[in-house]
PDB file of all heavy atoms in Angstrom:
ATOM      1  N   THR A   1       0.695   8.881  13.692  1.00  0.00           N
ATOM      2  CA  THR A   1       1.752   7.913  13.410  1.00  0.00           C
ATOM      3  C   THR A   1       1.224   6.719  12.628  1.00  0.00           C
ATOM      4  O   THR A   1       1.977   6.087  11.904  1.00  0.00           O
ATOM      5  CB  THR A   1       2.412   7.406  14.704  1.00  0.00           C
ATOM      6  OG1 THR A   1       1.431   6.807  15.537  1.00  0.00           O
ATOM      7  CG2 THR A   1       3.087   8.536  15.446  1.00  0.00           C
ATOM      8  N   MET A   2      -0.046   6.397  12.737  1.00  0.00           N
ATOM      9  CA  MET A   2      -0.602   5.259  12.028  1.00  0.00           C
ATOM     10  C   MET A   2      -1.025   5.620  10.598  1.00  0.00           C
ATOM     11  O   MET A   2      -1.228   4.742   9.781  1.00  0.00           O
ATOM     12  CB  MET A   2      -1.825   4.707  12.781  1.00  0.00           C
ATOM     13  CG  MET A   2      -1.478   4.036  14.091  1.00  0.00           C
ATOM     14  SD  MET A   2      -0.320   2.678  13.900  1.00  0.00           S
ATOM     15  CE  MET A   2      -1.348   1.491  13.104  1.00  0.00           C
ATOM     16  N   ALA A   3      -1.176   6.903  10.329  1.00  0.00           N
ATOM     17  CA  ALA A   3      -1.606   7.305   8.998  1.00  0.00           C
ATOM     18  C   ALA A   3      -0.471   7.107   8.004  1.00  0.00           C
ATOM     19  O   ALA A   3       0.685   7.360   8.300  1.00  0.00           O
ATOM     20  CB  ALA A   3      -2.044   8.762   9.012  1.00  0.00           C
ATOM     21  N   GLY A   4      -0.818   6.639   6.807  1.00  0.00           N
ATOM     22  CA  GLY A   4       0.171   6.455   5.769  1.00  0.00           C
ATOM     23  C   GLY A   4       0.403   7.749   5.008  1.00  0.00           C
ATOM     24  O   GLY A   4      -0.337   8.716   5.145  1.00  0.00           O
ATOM     25  N   SER A   5       1.428   7.755   4.204  1.00  0.00           N
ATOM     26  CA  SER A   5       1.683   8.933   3.382  1.00  0.00           C
ATOM     27  C   SER A   5       0.735   8.910   2.188  1.00  0.00           C
ATOM     28  O   SER A   5       0.281   7.846   1.767  1.00  0.00           O
ATOM     29  CB  SER A   5       3.128   8.926   2.912  1.00  0.00           C
ATOM     30  OG  SER A   5       3.332   7.925   1.935  1.00  0.00           O
ATOM     31  N   PRO A   6       0.451  10.072   1.612  1.00  0.00           N
ATOM     32  CA  PRO A   6      -0.412  10.098   0.422  1.00  0.00           C
ATOM     33  C   PRO A   6       0.182   9.279  -0.726  1.00  0.00           C
ATOM     34  O   PRO A   6      -0.547   8.627  -1.463  1.00  0.00           O
ATOM     35  CB  PRO A   6      -0.489  11.584   0.070  1.00  0.00           C
ATOM     36  CG  PRO A   6      -0.203  12.292   1.342  1.00  0.00           C
ATOM     37  CD  PRO A   6       0.748  11.410   2.101  1.00  0.00           C
ATOM     38  N   PHE A   7       1.509   9.299  -0.868  1.00  0.00           N
ATOM     39  CA  PHE A   7       2.163   8.512  -1.915  1.00  0.00           C
ATOM     40  C   PHE A   7       1.869   7.030  -1.727  1.00  0.00           C
ATOM     41  O   PHE A   7       1.409   6.355  -2.651  1.00  0.00           O
ATOM     42  CB  PHE A   7       3.667   8.755  -1.903  1.00  0.00           C
ATOM     43  CG  PHE A   7       4.435   7.822  -2.803  1.00  0.00           C
ATOM     44  CD1 PHE A   7       4.480   8.041  -4.166  1.00  0.00           C
ATOM     45  CD2 PHE A   7       5.097   6.713  -2.286  1.00  0.00           C
ATOM     46  CE1 PHE A   7       5.178   7.180  -5.009  1.00  0.00           C
ATOM     47  CE2 PHE A   7       5.801   5.855  -3.111  1.00  0.00           C
ATOM     48  CZ  PHE A   7       5.839   6.079  -4.474  1.00  0.00           C
ATOM     49  N   CYS A   8       2.129   6.516  -0.533  1.00  0.00           N
ATOM     50  CA  CYS A   8       1.922   5.087  -0.270  1.00  0.00           C
ATOM     51  C   CYS A   8       0.447   4.714  -0.353  1.00  0.00           C
ATOM     52  O   CYS A   8       0.103   3.661  -0.880  1.00  0.00           O
ATOM     53  CB  CYS A   8       2.487   4.711   1.095  1.00  0.00           C
ATOM     54  SG  CYS A   8       4.298   4.707   1.164  1.00  0.00           S
ATOM     55  N   ASP A   9      -0.415   5.571   0.166  1.00  0.00           N
ATOM     56  CA  ASP A   9      -1.845   5.269   0.136  1.00  0.00           C
ATOM     57  C   ASP A   9      -2.347   5.122  -1.301  1.00  0.00           C
ATOM     58  O   ASP A   9      -3.097   4.196  -1.609  1.00  0.00           O
ATOM     59  CB  ASP A   9      -2.641   6.362   0.852  1.00  0.00           C
ATOM     60  CG  ASP A   9      -2.445   6.336   2.358  1.00  0.00           C
ATOM     61  OD1 ASP A   9      -1.900   5.336   2.873  1.00  0.00           O
ATOM     62  OD2 ASP A   9      -2.830   7.318   3.011  1.00  0.00           O
ATOM     63  N   SER A  10      -1.923   6.029  -2.173  1.00  0.00           N
ATOM     64  CA  SER A  10      -2.402   5.956  -3.549  1.00  0.00           C
ATOM     65  C   SER A  10      -1.804   4.765  -4.295  1.00  0.00           C
ATOM     66  O   SER A  10      -2.505   4.057  -5.018  1.00  0.00           O
ATOM     67  CB  SER A  10      -2.116   7.260  -4.295  1.00  0.00           C
ATOM     68  OG  SER A  10      -0.731   7.460  -4.436  1.00  0.00           O
ATOM     69  N   LYS A  11      -0.495   4.540  -4.133  1.00  0.00           N
ATOM     70  CA  LYS A  11       0.154   3.414  -4.818  1.00  0.00           C
ATOM     71  C   LYS A  11      -0.390   2.082  -4.316  1.00  0.00           C
ATOM     72  O   LYS A  11      -0.622   1.160  -5.102  1.00  0.00           O
ATOM     73  CB  LYS A  11       1.674   3.460  -4.619  1.00  0.00           C
ATOM     74  CG  LYS A  11       2.340   4.633  -5.275  1.00  0.00           C
ATOM     75  CD  LYS A  11       2.356   4.446  -6.768  1.00  0.00           C
ATOM     76  CE  LYS A  11       3.183   5.506  -7.450  1.00  0.00           C
ATOM     77  NZ  LYS A  11       3.269   5.337  -8.876  1.00  0.00           N
ATOM     78  N   CYS A  12      -0.583   1.955  -3.006  1.00  0.00           N
ATOM     79  CA  CYS A  12      -1.106   0.700  -2.454  1.00  0.00           C
ATOM     80  C   CYS A  12      -2.576   0.506  -2.818  1.00  0.00           C
ATOM     81  O   CYS A  12      -3.034  -0.627  -2.969  1.00  0.00           O
ATOM     82  CB  CYS A  12      -0.919   0.664  -0.941  1.00  0.00           C
ATOM     83  SG  CYS A  12       0.814   0.451  -0.457  1.00  0.00           S
ATOM     84  N   GLY A  13      -3.315   1.591  -2.967  1.00  0.00           N
ATOM     85  CA  GLY A  13      -4.697   1.484  -3.416  1.00  0.00           C
ATOM     86  C   GLY A  13      -4.786   0.835  -4.790  1.00  0.00           C
ATOM     87  O   GLY A  13      -5.644  -0.016  -5.037  1.00  0.00           O
ATOM     88  N   VAL A  14      -3.866   1.209  -5.673  1.00  0.00           N
ATOM     89  CA  VAL A  14      -3.825   0.602  -7.010  1.00  0.00           C
ATOM     90  C   VAL A  14      -3.346  -0.837  -6.902  1.00  0.00           C
ATOM     91  O   VAL A  14      -3.932  -1.752  -7.492  1.00  0.00           O
ATOM     92  CB  VAL A  14      -2.900   1.416  -7.944  1.00  0.00           C
ATOM     93  CG1 VAL A  14      -2.683   0.691  -9.263  1.00  0.00           C
ATOM     94  CG2 VAL A  14      -3.471   2.799  -8.184  1.00  0.00           C
ATOM     95  N   ARG A  15      -2.274  -1.053  -6.135  1.00  0.00           N
ATOM     96  CA  ARG A  15      -1.675  -2.392  -6.010  1.00  0.00           C
ATOM     97  C   ARG A  15      -2.688  -3.395  -5.455  1.00  0.00           C
ATOM     98  O   ARG A  15      -2.718  -4.557  -5.857  1.00  0.00           O
ATOM     99  CB  ARG A  15      -0.441  -2.320  -5.100  1.00  0.00           C
ATOM    100  CG  ARG A  15       0.324  -3.600  -4.949  1.00  0.00           C
ATOM    101  CD  ARG A  15       1.173  -3.863  -6.138  1.00  0.00           C
ATOM    102  NE  ARG A  15       1.962  -5.088  -5.991  1.00  0.00           N
ATOM    103  CZ  ARG A  15       2.643  -5.620  -6.974  1.00  0.00           C
ATOM    104  NH1 ARG A  15       2.692  -5.038  -8.139  1.00  0.00           N
ATOM    105  NH2 ARG A  15       3.312  -6.720  -6.802  1.00  0.00           N
ATOM    106  N   CYS A  16      -3.500  -2.960  -4.515  1.00  0.00           N
ATOM    107  CA  CYS A  16      -4.422  -3.874  -3.826  1.00  0.00           C
ATOM    108  C   CYS A  16      -5.852  -3.822  -4.364  1.00  0.00           C
ATOM    109  O   CYS A  16      -6.753  -4.417  -3.776  1.00  0.00           O
ATOM    110  CB  CYS A  16      -4.423  -3.546  -2.335  1.00  0.00           C
ATOM    111  SG  CYS A  16      -2.821  -3.804  -1.541  1.00  0.00           S
ATOM    112  N   SER A  17      -6.061  -3.148  -5.482  1.00  0.00           N
ATOM    113  CA  SER A  17      -7.425  -2.951  -5.990  1.00  0.00           C
ATOM    114  C   SER A  17      -8.140  -4.258  -6.327  1.00  0.00           C
ATOM    115  O   SER A  17      -9.359  -4.328  -6.242  1.00  0.00           O
ATOM    116  CB  SER A  17      -7.419  -2.030  -7.209  1.00  0.00           C
ATOM    117  OG  SER A  17      -6.704  -2.616  -8.281  1.00  0.00           O
ATOM    118  N   LYS A  18      -7.407  -5.292  -6.684  1.00  0.00           N
ATOM    119  CA  LYS A  18      -8.043  -6.572  -7.029  1.00  0.00           C
ATOM    120  C   LYS A  18      -7.790  -7.671  -5.997  1.00  0.00           C
ATOM    121  O   LYS A  18      -8.086  -8.830  -6.245  1.00  0.00           O
ATOM    122  CB  LYS A  18      -7.537  -7.045  -8.393  1.00  0.00           C
ATOM    123  CG  LYS A  18      -7.958  -6.143  -9.532  1.00  0.00           C
ATOM    124  CD  LYS A  18      -7.517  -6.684 -10.865  1.00  0.00           C
ATOM    125  CE  LYS A  18      -7.961  -5.786 -11.995  1.00  0.00           C
ATOM    126  NZ  LYS A  18      -7.517  -6.287 -13.305  1.00  0.00           N
ATOM    127  N   ALA A  19      -7.249  -7.291  -4.846  1.00  0.00           N
ATOM    128  CA  ALA A  19      -6.912  -8.280  -3.815  1.00  0.00           C
ATOM    129  C   ALA A  19      -8.169  -8.874  -3.194  1.00  0.00           C
ATOM    130  O   ALA A  19      -9.165  -8.184  -2.993  1.00  0.00           O
ATOM    131  CB  ALA A  19      -6.054  -7.645  -2.720  1.00  0.00           C
ATOM    132  N   GLY A  20      -8.104 -10.155  -2.862  1.00  0.00           N
ATOM    133  CA  GLY A  20      -9.219 -10.818  -2.197  1.00  0.00           C
ATOM    134  C   GLY A  20      -9.378 -10.344  -0.761  1.00  0.00           C
ATOM    135  O   GLY A  20     -10.485 -10.236  -0.257  1.00  0.00           O
ATOM    136  N   TYR A  21      -8.275 -10.064  -0.087  1.00  0.00           N
ATOM    137  CA  TYR A  21      -8.266  -9.565   1.288  1.00  0.00           C
ATOM    138  C   TYR A  21      -7.671  -8.167   1.256  1.00  0.00           C
ATOM    139  O   TYR A  21      -6.508  -7.955   1.593  1.00  0.00           O
ATOM    140  CB  TYR A  21      -7.454 -10.487   2.197  1.00  0.00           C
ATOM    141  CG  TYR A  21      -8.023 -11.882   2.300  1.00  0.00           C
ATOM    142  CD1 TYR A  21      -7.527 -12.918   1.524  1.00  0.00           C
ATOM    143  CD2 TYR A  21      -9.072 -12.144   3.166  1.00  0.00           C
ATOM    144  CE1 TYR A  21      -8.054 -14.200   1.605  1.00  0.00           C
ATOM    145  CE2 TYR A  21      -9.610 -13.420   3.257  1.00  0.00           C
ATOM    146  CZ  TYR A  21      -9.090 -14.439   2.486  1.00  0.00           C
ATOM    147  OH  TYR A  21      -9.615 -15.699   2.579  1.00  0.00           O
ATOM    148  N   LYS A  22      -8.490  -7.203   0.852  1.00  0.00           N
ATOM    149  CA  LYS A  22      -8.005  -5.847   0.580  1.00  0.00           C
ATOM    150  C   LYS A  22      -7.383  -5.184   1.810  1.00  0.00           C
ATOM    151  O   LYS A  22      -6.337  -4.547   1.701  1.00  0.00           O
ATOM    152  CB  LYS A  22      -9.129  -4.989   0.043  1.00  0.00           C
ATOM    153  CG  LYS A  22      -8.649  -3.636  -0.455  1.00  0.00           C
ATOM    154  CD  LYS A  22      -9.731  -2.889  -1.173  1.00  0.00           C
ATOM    155  CE  LYS A  22      -9.692  -3.324  -2.601  1.00  0.00           C
ATOM    156  NZ  LYS A  22     -10.524  -2.569  -3.500  1.00  0.00           N
ATOM    157  N   GLU A  23      -7.999  -5.311   2.985  1.00  0.00           N
ATOM    158  CA  GLU A  23      -7.466  -4.659   4.188  1.00  0.00           C
ATOM    159  C   GLU A  23      -6.074  -5.177   4.535  1.00  0.00           C
ATOM    160  O   GLU A  23      -5.175  -4.417   4.864  1.00  0.00           O
ATOM    161  CB  GLU A  23      -8.412  -4.843   5.377  1.00  0.00           C
ATOM    162  CG  GLU A  23      -9.713  -4.091   5.238  1.00  0.00           C
ATOM    163  CD  GLU A  23      -9.524  -2.589   5.140  1.00  0.00           C
ATOM    164  OE1 GLU A  23      -8.702  -2.037   5.894  1.00  0.00           O
ATOM    165  OE2 GLU A  23     -10.194  -1.968   4.295  1.00  0.00           O
ATOM    166  N   ARG A  24      -5.892  -6.482   4.445  1.00  0.00           N
ATOM    167  CA  ARG A  24      -4.585  -7.071   4.737  1.00  0.00           C
ATOM    168  C   ARG A  24      -3.561  -6.647   3.693  1.00  0.00           C
ATOM    169  O   ARG A  24      -2.426  -6.319   4.020  1.00  0.00           O
ATOM    170  CB  ARG A  24      -4.695  -8.596   4.807  1.00  0.00           C
ATOM    171  CG  ARG A  24      -3.384  -9.250   5.193  1.00  0.00           C
ATOM    172  CD  ARG A  24      -3.542 -10.701   5.536  1.00  0.00           C
ATOM    173  NE  ARG A  24      -4.099 -11.446   4.412  1.00  0.00           N
ATOM    174  CZ  ARG A  24      -4.379 -12.735   4.452  1.00  0.00           C
ATOM    175  NH1 ARG A  24      -4.160 -13.423   5.554  1.00  0.00           N
ATOM    176  NH2 ARG A  24      -4.863 -13.349   3.405  1.00  0.00           N
ATOM    177  N   CYS A  25      -3.960  -6.621   2.439  1.00  0.00           N
ATOM    178  CA  CYS A  25      -3.071  -6.180   1.362  1.00  0.00           C
ATOM    179  C   CYS A  25      -2.629  -4.737   1.600  1.00  0.00           C
ATOM    180  O   CYS A  25      -1.449  -4.412   1.498  1.00  0.00           O
ATOM    181  CB  CYS A  25      -3.771  -6.309   0.013  1.00  0.00           C
ATOM    182  SG  CYS A  25      -2.759  -5.814  -1.391  1.00  0.00           S
ATOM    183  N   LEU A  26      -3.587  -3.859   1.918  1.00  0.00           N
ATOM    184  CA  LEU A  26      -3.255  -2.455   2.159  1.00  0.00           C
ATOM    185  C   LEU A  26      -2.328  -2.289   3.360  1.00  0.00           C
ATOM    186  O   LEU A  26      -1.418  -1.451   3.337  1.00  0.00           O
ATOM    187  CB  LEU A  26      -4.531  -1.642   2.360  1.00  0.00           C
ATOM    188  CG  LEU A  26      -5.391  -1.438   1.120  1.00  0.00           C
ATOM    189  CD1 LEU A  26      -6.743  -0.840   1.487  1.00  0.00           C
ATOM    190  CD2 LEU A  26      -4.675  -0.566   0.102  1.00  0.00           C
ATOM    191  N   LYS A  27      -2.541  -3.096   4.393  1.00  0.00           N
ATOM    192  CA  LYS A  27      -1.692  -3.013   5.588  1.00  0.00           C
ATOM    193  C   LYS A  27      -0.243  -3.349   5.246  1.00  0.00           C
ATOM    194  O   LYS A  27       0.669  -2.578   5.548  1.00  0.00           O
ATOM    195  CB  LYS A  27      -2.211  -3.976   6.659  1.00  0.00           C
ATOM    196  CG  LYS A  27      -1.320  -4.070   7.876  1.00  0.00           C
ATOM    197  CD  LYS A  27      -1.818  -5.121   8.843  1.00  0.00           C
ATOM    198  CE  LYS A  27      -0.854  -5.323   9.995  1.00  0.00           C
ATOM    199  NZ  LYS A  27      -1.292  -6.370  10.897  1.00  0.00           N
ATOM    200  N   TYR A  28      -0.037  -4.493   4.622  1.00  0.00           N
ATOM    201  CA  TYR A  28       1.334  -4.926   4.332  1.00  0.00           C
ATOM    202  C   TYR A  28       1.978  -4.106   3.216  1.00  0.00           C
ATOM    203  O   TYR A  28       3.174  -3.831   3.263  1.00  0.00           O
ATOM    204  CB  TYR A  28       1.383  -6.421   4.038  1.00  0.00           C
ATOM    205  CG  TYR A  28       1.181  -7.213   5.298  1.00  0.00           C
ATOM    206  CD1 TYR A  28      -0.005  -7.891   5.538  1.00  0.00           C
ATOM    207  CD2 TYR A  28       2.162  -7.243   6.277  1.00  0.00           C
ATOM    208  CE1 TYR A  28      -0.210  -8.589   6.711  1.00  0.00           C
ATOM    209  CE2 TYR A  28       1.969  -7.936   7.459  1.00  0.00           C
ATOM    210  CZ  TYR A  28       0.788  -8.608   7.673  1.00  0.00           C
ATOM    211  OH  TYR A  28       0.588  -9.277   8.849  1.00  0.00           O
ATOM    212  N   CYS A  29       1.191  -3.691   2.250  1.00  0.00           N
ATOM    213  CA  CYS A  29       1.726  -2.820   1.208  1.00  0.00           C
ATOM    214  C   CYS A  29       2.182  -1.498   1.827  1.00  0.00           C
ATOM    215  O   CYS A  29       3.247  -0.979   1.489  1.00  0.00           O
ATOM    216  CB  CYS A  29       0.680  -2.574   0.133  1.00  0.00           C
ATOM    217  SG  CYS A  29       1.261  -1.517  -1.210  1.00  0.00           S
ATOM    218  N   GLY A  30       1.396  -0.956   2.752  1.00  0.00           N
ATOM    219  CA  GLY A  30       1.769   0.288   3.430  1.00  0.00           C
ATOM    220  C   GLY A  30       3.040   0.148   4.236  1.00  0.00           C
ATOM    221  O   GLY A  30       3.889   1.050   4.236  1.00  0.00           O
ATOM    222  N   ILE A  31       3.196  -0.983   4.918  1.00  0.00           N
ATOM    223  CA  ILE A  31       4.422  -1.234   5.688  1.00  0.00           C
ATOM    224  C   ILE A  31       5.618  -1.289   4.743  1.00  0.00           C
ATOM    225  O   ILE A  31       6.651  -0.655   4.983  1.00  0.00           O
ATOM    226  CB  ILE A  31       4.299  -2.546   6.492  1.00  0.00           C
ATOM    227  CG1 ILE A  31       3.279  -2.396   7.618  1.00  0.00           C
ATOM    228  CG2 ILE A  31       5.663  -2.966   7.042  1.00  0.00           C
ATOM    229  CD1 ILE A  31       2.904  -3.696   8.289  1.00  0.00           C
ATOM    230  N   CYS A  32       5.473  -2.024   3.660  1.00  0.00           N
ATOM    231  CA  CYS A  32       6.570  -2.167   2.698  1.00  0.00           C
ATOM    232  C   CYS A  32       6.885  -0.841   2.020  1.00  0.00           C
ATOM    233  O   CYS A  32       8.050  -0.496   1.815  1.00  0.00           O
ATOM    234  CB  CYS A  32       6.226  -3.235   1.665  1.00  0.00           C
ATOM    235  SG  CYS A  32       6.058  -4.886   2.381  1.00  0.00           S
ATOM    236  N   CYS A  33       5.868  -0.094   1.664  1.00  0.00           N
ATOM    237  CA  CYS A  33       6.071   1.188   0.996  1.00  0.00           C
ATOM    238  C   CYS A  33       6.785   2.175   1.916  1.00  0.00           C
ATOM    239  O   CYS A  33       7.680   2.899   1.481  1.00  0.00           O
ATOM    240  CB  CYS A  33       4.737   1.764   0.540  1.00  0.00           C
ATOM    241  SG  CYS A  33       4.868   3.361  -0.274  1.00  0.00           S
ATOM    242  N   SER A  34       6.410   2.190   3.192  1.00  0.00           N
ATOM    243  CA  SER A  34       7.059   3.125   4.107  1.00  0.00           C
ATOM    244  C   SER A  34       8.529   2.772   4.322  1.00  0.00           C
ATOM    245  O   SER A  34       9.355   3.657   4.521  1.00  0.00           O
ATOM    246  CB  SER A  34       6.314   3.180   5.441  1.00  0.00           C
ATOM    247  OG  SER A  34       6.391   1.946   6.108  1.00  0.00           O
ATOM    248  N   LYS A  35       8.866   1.489   4.253  1.00  0.00           N
ATOM    249  CA  LYS A  35      10.267   1.082   4.397  1.00  0.00           C
ATOM    250  C   LYS A  35      11.056   1.303   3.112  1.00  0.00           C
ATOM    251  O   LYS A  35      12.229   1.666   3.156  1.00  0.00           O
ATOM    252  CB  LYS A  35      10.358  -0.392   4.784  1.00  0.00           C
ATOM    253  CG  LYS A  35       9.954  -0.673   6.202  1.00  0.00           C
ATOM    254  CD  LYS A  35      10.141  -2.138   6.542  1.00  0.00           C
ATOM    255  CE  LYS A  35       9.701  -2.400   7.963  1.00  0.00           C
ATOM    256  NZ  LYS A  35       9.861  -3.802   8.344  1.00  0.00           N
ATOM    257  N   CYS A  36      10.438   1.082   1.972  1.00  0.00           N
ATOM    258  CA  CYS A  36      11.158   1.089   0.688  1.00  0.00           C
ATOM    259  C   CYS A  36      10.929   2.345  -0.148  1.00  0.00           C
ATOM    260  O   CYS A  36      11.673   2.588  -1.098  1.00  0.00           O
ATOM    261  CB  CYS A  36      10.728  -0.122  -0.143  1.00  0.00           C
ATOM    262  SG  CYS A  36      11.101  -1.693   0.640  1.00  0.00           S
ATOM    263  N   ASN A  37       9.899   3.112   0.164  1.00  0.00           N
ATOM    264  CA  ASN A  37       9.532   4.302  -0.605  1.00  0.00           C
ATOM    265  C   ASN A  37       9.237   3.992  -2.065  1.00  0.00           C
ATOM    266  O   ASN A  37       9.517   4.810  -2.944  1.00  0.00           O
ATOM    267  CB  ASN A  37      10.608   5.379  -0.502  1.00  0.00           C
ATOM    268  CG  ASN A  37      10.742   5.895   0.910  1.00  0.00           C
ATOM    269  OD1 ASN A  37       9.751   6.148   1.570  1.00  0.00           O
ATOM    270  ND2 ASN A  37      11.963   6.025   1.380  1.00  0.00           N
ATOM    271  N   CYS A  38       8.733   2.813  -2.341  1.00  0.00           N
ATOM    272  CA  CYS A  38       8.295   2.470  -3.686  1.00  0.00           C
ATOM    273  C   CYS A  38       7.323   1.299  -3.623  1.00  0.00           C
ATOM    274  O   CYS A  38       7.321   0.530  -2.665  1.00  0.00           O
ATOM    275  CB  CYS A  38       9.474   2.134  -4.597  1.00  0.00           C
ATOM    276  SG  CYS A  38      10.372   0.661  -4.148  1.00  0.00           S
ATOM    277  N   VAL A  39       6.487   1.218  -4.641  1.00  0.00           N
ATOM    278  CA  VAL A  39       5.531   0.123  -4.804  1.00  0.00           C
ATOM    279  C   VAL A  39       5.548  -0.245  -6.281  1.00  0.00           C
ATOM    280  O   VAL A  39       5.459   0.637  -7.130  1.00  0.00           O
ATOM    281  CB  VAL A  39       4.106   0.549  -4.386  1.00  0.00           C
ATOM    282  CG1 VAL A  39       3.098  -0.547  -4.668  1.00  0.00           C
ATOM    283  CG2 VAL A  39       4.064   0.931  -2.918  1.00  0.00           C
ATOM    284  N   PRO A  40       5.670  -1.521  -6.610  1.00  0.00           N
ATOM    285  CA  PRO A  40       5.661  -1.912  -8.024  1.00  0.00           C
ATOM    286  C   PRO A  40       4.344  -1.547  -8.707  1.00  0.00           C
ATOM    287  O   PRO A  40       3.297  -1.498  -8.069  1.00  0.00           O
ATOM    288  CB  PRO A  40       5.830  -3.437  -7.972  1.00  0.00           C
ATOM    289  CG  PRO A  40       6.395  -3.728  -6.639  1.00  0.00           C
ATOM    290  CD  PRO A  40       5.882  -2.665  -5.721  1.00  0.00           C
ATOM    291  N   SER A  41       4.400  -1.302  -9.995  1.00  0.00           N
ATOM    292  CA  SER A  41       3.197  -0.941 -10.739  1.00  0.00           C
ATOM    293  C   SER A  41       2.301  -2.159 -10.930  1.00  0.00           C
ATOM    294  O   SER A  41       2.742  -3.301 -10.840  1.00  0.00           O
ATOM    295  CB  SER A  41       3.580  -0.356 -12.096  1.00  0.00           C
ATOM    296  OG  SER A  41       4.269  -1.326 -12.863  1.00  0.00           O
ATOM    297  N   GLY A  42       1.052  -1.905 -11.184  1.00  0.00           N
ATOM    298  CA  GLY A  42       0.096  -2.978 -11.437  1.00  0.00           C
ATOM    299  C   GLY A  42      -0.431  -3.601 -10.168  1.00  0.00           C
ATOM    300  O   GLY A  42      -0.112  -3.197  -9.059  1.00  0.00           O
TER     301      GLY A  42
END
């Protein structure tokens, strides 16, 4: 249940690649992606 989907994991990996707090970015991006089924590019 805690594992993210491959779609969200890959999109959030790109989204958070330059984040200063990468773990926190990945956590919240994953939450948002699972609710919205999309992640903005870049």
